[in-house]
């Protein structure tokens, strides 16, 4: 009887170690397995717009799996809300982990826009109606013009980056290492309806 109890405990311990090893292995992301995960699109949960092609796939996979429940709620908010009719304002999605800000306002002339980054939250930008230009540059190659402010969770920069025309077909993700320059006017689109979803960044 004592032998059987020891055997059971040993089997349970080995099973637990195997599970823990598998979980740890799954959290090791690289360009290959992150792309495979991204391309399966199971993470979308039925969400129609696609993430932009230049997204950092490895960081996205890491952050999603570190905080899956919060990301699933963020995508569910985008999928299930009538974003064309929802009133502008701030919407709690998952306590301090996720919240959304809906705006309907004129975009800015290029010189009135600014580069920014955040540390506490990941930005998800989605154009509901209209178009705007968004810039993106590495924080590591940007020059700080306004140091990080913990209260506003923002820093500002001078940077040289790539620019994308954002439409309702695509959403954009900006992680702490991504300086971004949103809200730039596209000719013919004076007022743009958009949502920015803030998702807690996990170290």
Protein backbone atom coordinates (compact mmCIF):
# COMPACT_ATOMS: atom_id res chain seq x y z
CA UNK A 1 0.00 0.00 0.00
CA UNK A 2 2.82 2.37 0.92
CA UNK A 3 4.53 1.54 -2.38
CA UNK A 4 1.34 2.38 -4.32
CA UNK A 5 1.04 5.75 -2.57
CA UNK A 6 4.65 6.59 -3.41
CA UNK A 7 4.08 5.52 -7.01
CA UNK A 8 0.97 7.69 -7.30
CA UNK A 9 2.80 10.70 -5.87
CA UNK A 10 5.69 10.13 -8.27
CA UNK A 11 3.34 9.95 -11.26
CA UNK A 12 1.57 13.13 -10.15
CA UNK A 13 4.89 14.91 -9.70
CA UNK A 14 6.10 13.85 -13.13
CA UNK A 15 2.79 14.91 -14.70
CA UNK A 16 3.02 18.31 -13.02
CA UNK A 17 6.64 18.78 -14.15
CA UNK A 18 5.70 17.83 -17.72
CA UNK A 19 2.83 20.33 -17.68
CA UNK A 20 5.02 23.06 -16.22
CA UNK A 21 7.74 22.36 -18.81
CA UNK A 22 5.21 22.49 -21.65
CA UNK A 23 3.77 25.75 -20.36
CA UNK A 24 7.23 27.28 -20.04
CA UNK A 25 8.15 26.11 -23.54
CA UNK A 26 4.99 27.64 -24.97
CA UNK A 27 6.00 31.01 -23.52
CA UNK A 28 9.24 30.99 -25.53
CA UNK A 29 8.31 32.89 -28.67
CA UNK A 30 10.32 33.51 -31.81
CA UNK A 31 9.53 34.87 -35.28
CA UNK A 32 8.52 31.43 -36.59
CA UNK A 33 6.08 30.26 -33.92
CA UNK A 34 4.74 33.78 -33.34
CA UNK A 35 3.91 34.07 -37.05
CA UNK A 36 2.24 30.65 -36.99
CA UNK A 37 0.16 31.69 -33.97
CA UNK A 38 -0.74 35.02 -35.59
CA UNK A 39 -1.71 33.44 -38.92
CA UNK A 40 -4.09 30.96 -37.27
CA UNK A 41 -6.14 33.98 -36.12
CA UNK A 42 -7.71 32.04 -33.24
CA UNK A 43 -6.80 35.01 -31.00
CA UNK A 44 -9.25 37.21 -32.98
CA UNK A 45 -12.30 35.42 -31.61
CA UNK A 46 -14.34 36.39 -34.67
CA UNK A 47 -13.06 39.98 -34.88
CA UNK A 48 -13.18 41.13 -38.53
CA UNK A 49 -10.37 43.71 -38.96
CA UNK A 50 -6.81 42.39 -39.19
CA UNK A 51 -3.78 43.55 -37.25
CA UNK A 52 -1.38 45.56 -39.42
CA UNK A 53 1.29 43.51 -41.14
CA UNK A 54 4.28 45.25 -39.52
CA UNK A 55 3.19 44.42 -35.97
CA UNK A 56 5.93 43.00 -33.73
CA UNK A 57 4.66 39.41 -33.83
CA UNK A 58 6.87 38.12 -31.02
CA UNK A 59 5.91 40.86 -28.58
CA UNK A 60 2.23 40.51 -29.53
CA UNK A 61 2.33 36.75 -28.87
CA UNK A 62 4.16 37.27 -25.57
CA UNK A 63 1.77 39.93 -24.32
CA UNK A 64 -1.35 38.07 -25.43
CA UNK A 65 -0.37 34.90 -23.61
CA UNK A 66 0.73 36.75 -20.47
CA UNK A 67 -2.66 38.47 -20.23
CA UNK A 68 -5.00 36.40 -22.40
CA UNK A 69 -8.23 37.18 -20.52
CA UNK A 70 -7.68 40.93 -20.89
CA UNK A 71 -6.87 40.68 -24.61
CA UNK A 72 -9.91 38.50 -25.24
CA UNK A 73 -12.10 41.12 -23.55
CA UNK A 74 -10.52 43.88 -25.63
CA UNK A 75 -11.22 42.02 -28.87
CA UNK A 76 -14.75 41.13 -27.69
CA UNK A 77 -15.43 44.83 -27.06
CA UNK A 78 -14.40 45.66 -30.62
CA UNK A 79 -16.36 42.73 -32.02
CA UNK A 80 -19.58 43.12 -30.05
CA UNK A 81 -19.98 46.89 -29.71
CA UNK A 82 -21.82 48.90 -32.36
CA UNK A 83 -18.85 51.19 -32.85
CA UNK A 84 -20.59 53.25 -35.53
CA UNK A 85 -23.25 54.35 -33.01
CA UNK A 86 -21.55 54.21 -29.63
CA UNK A 87 -21.19 57.66 -28.05
CA UNK A 88 -17.73 59.22 -27.80
CA UNK A 89 -16.28 58.70 -24.33
CA UNK A 90 -14.33 56.36 -22.11
CA UNK A 91 -15.55 52.78 -21.63
CA UNK A 92 -14.27 50.37 -18.95
CA UNK A 93 -13.67 46.92 -20.43
CA UNK A 94 -11.71 45.04 -17.75
CA UNK A 95 -11.06 47.23 -14.72
CA UNK A 96 -7.61 48.81 -14.93
CA UNK A 97 -6.42 46.14 -17.35
CA UNK A 98 -8.38 47.34 -20.39
CA UNK A 99 -10.36 50.44 -21.25
CA UNK A 100 -11.48 52.07 -24.48
CA UNK A 101 -11.74 55.68 -25.63
CA UNK A 102 -14.04 56.46 -28.54
CA UNK A 103 -13.60 59.77 -30.35
CA UNK A 104 -15.20 61.49 -33.32
CA UNK A 105 -13.19 64.57 -34.18
CA UNK A 106 -11.13 66.30 -36.87
CA UNK A 107 -7.70 64.85 -37.54
CA UNK A 108 -4.65 67.06 -37.19
CA UNK A 109 -2.44 68.71 -39.75
CA UNK A 110 0.95 67.01 -39.83
CA UNK A 111 2.80 69.74 -37.92
CA UNK A 112 0.20 69.67 -35.14
CA UNK A 113 0.66 65.94 -34.51
CA UNK A 114 3.30 64.47 -32.20
CA UNK A 115 5.32 61.32 -31.58
CA UNK A 116 4.50 59.55 -28.32
CA UNK A 117 4.98 56.28 -26.46
CA UNK A 118 3.58 54.63 -23.33
CA UNK A 119 4.96 52.27 -20.70
CA UNK A 120 1.98 51.06 -18.66
CA UNK A 121 -0.41 50.38 -21.53
CA UNK A 122 -0.31 49.02 -25.06
CA UNK A 123 -2.24 51.12 -27.55
CA UNK A 124 -4.68 49.52 -29.98
CA UNK A 125 -5.81 52.08 -32.58
CA UNK A 126 -8.80 51.28 -34.78
CA UNK A 127 -10.46 53.61 -37.28
CA UNK A 128 -14.21 53.05 -37.14
CA UNK A 129 -15.10 55.49 -39.92
CA UNK A 130 -12.81 57.54 -42.15
CA UNK A 131 -9.05 57.42 -42.55
CA UNK A 132 -6.02 58.87 -40.81
CA UNK A 133 -2.27 58.60 -41.16
CA UNK A 134 -0.28 57.05 -38.31
CA UNK A 135 3.51 57.11 -37.99
CA UNK A 136 5.62 54.48 -36.27
CA UNK A 137 9.29 54.54 -35.19
CA UNK A 138 11.47 52.68 -32.67
CA UNK A 139 11.77 54.47 -29.34
CA UNK A 140 15.42 53.39 -29.31
CA UNK A 141 16.10 55.54 -32.39
CA UNK A 142 13.99 58.52 -31.30
CA UNK A 143 15.06 61.68 -29.46
CA UNK A 144 13.09 62.55 -26.32
CA UNK A 145 11.52 66.01 -26.41
CA UNK A 146 9.32 65.53 -23.35
CA UNK A 147 10.41 62.96 -20.74
CA UNK A 148 8.11 60.20 -19.63
CA UNK A 149 5.34 61.36 -17.31
CA UNK A 150 4.01 58.55 -15.11
CA UNK A 151 0.72 60.36 -14.51
CA UNK A 152 -0.12 60.62 -18.21
CA UNK A 153 1.83 57.46 -19.12
CA UNK A 154 3.40 59.27 -22.05
CA UNK A 155 6.66 60.58 -23.45
CA UNK A 156 7.18 62.64 -26.62
CA UNK A 157 9.89 62.50 -29.27
CA UNK A 158 11.45 63.69 -32.48
CA UNK A 159 11.67 60.70 -34.80
CA UNK A 160 11.98 59.48 -38.36
CA UNK A 161 9.57 56.67 -39.06
CA UNK A 162 7.22 54.89 -41.42
CA UNK A 163 3.72 56.19 -42.09
CA UNK A 164 0.60 54.13 -42.70
CA UNK A 165 -2.90 55.10 -43.82
CA UNK A 166 -5.23 53.56 -41.24
CA UNK A 167 -8.66 52.40 -42.43
CA UNK A 168 -11.49 50.33 -40.90
CA UNK A 169 -9.92 47.18 -42.39
CA UNK A 170 -6.96 47.19 -39.99
CA UNK A 171 -6.09 47.90 -36.37
CA UNK A 172 -2.68 48.96 -35.11
CA UNK A 173 -0.83 47.87 -31.97
CA UNK A 174 1.84 50.01 -30.33
CA UNK A 175 3.98 48.52 -27.57
CA UNK A 176 6.26 50.48 -25.18
CA UNK A 177 9.15 50.23 -27.65
CA UNK A 178 7.01 51.78 -30.42
CA UNK A 179 6.88 55.55 -30.78
CA UNK A 180 3.76 56.42 -32.74
CA UNK A 181 2.32 59.55 -34.31
CA UNK A 182 -1.46 59.20 -34.72
CA UNK A 183 -4.33 61.47 -35.81
CA UNK A 184 -2.70 62.88 -38.96
CA UNK A 185 -5.18 64.17 -41.53
CA UNK A 186 -5.80 62.31 -44.78
CA UNK A 187 -7.17 64.52 -47.55
CA UNK A 188 -10.94 64.15 -47.88
CA UNK A 189 -11.47 62.91 -44.33
CA UNK A 190 -12.11 65.90 -42.11
CA UNK A 191 -13.74 64.03 -39.21
CA UNK A 192 -12.65 60.58 -38.14
CA UNK A 193 -14.39 58.21 -35.75
CA UNK A 194 -11.93 55.95 -33.96
CA UNK A 195 -11.35 53.94 -30.83
CA UNK A 196 -8.16 53.55 -28.85
CA UNK A 197 -8.15 50.52 -26.58
CA UNK A 198 -5.62 50.60 -23.76
CA UNK A 199 -4.36 47.16 -22.72
CA UNK A 200 -2.14 46.71 -19.66
CA UNK A 201 1.49 45.92 -20.54
CA UNK A 202 2.92 42.97 -18.60
CA UNK A 203 6.66 42.91 -17.89
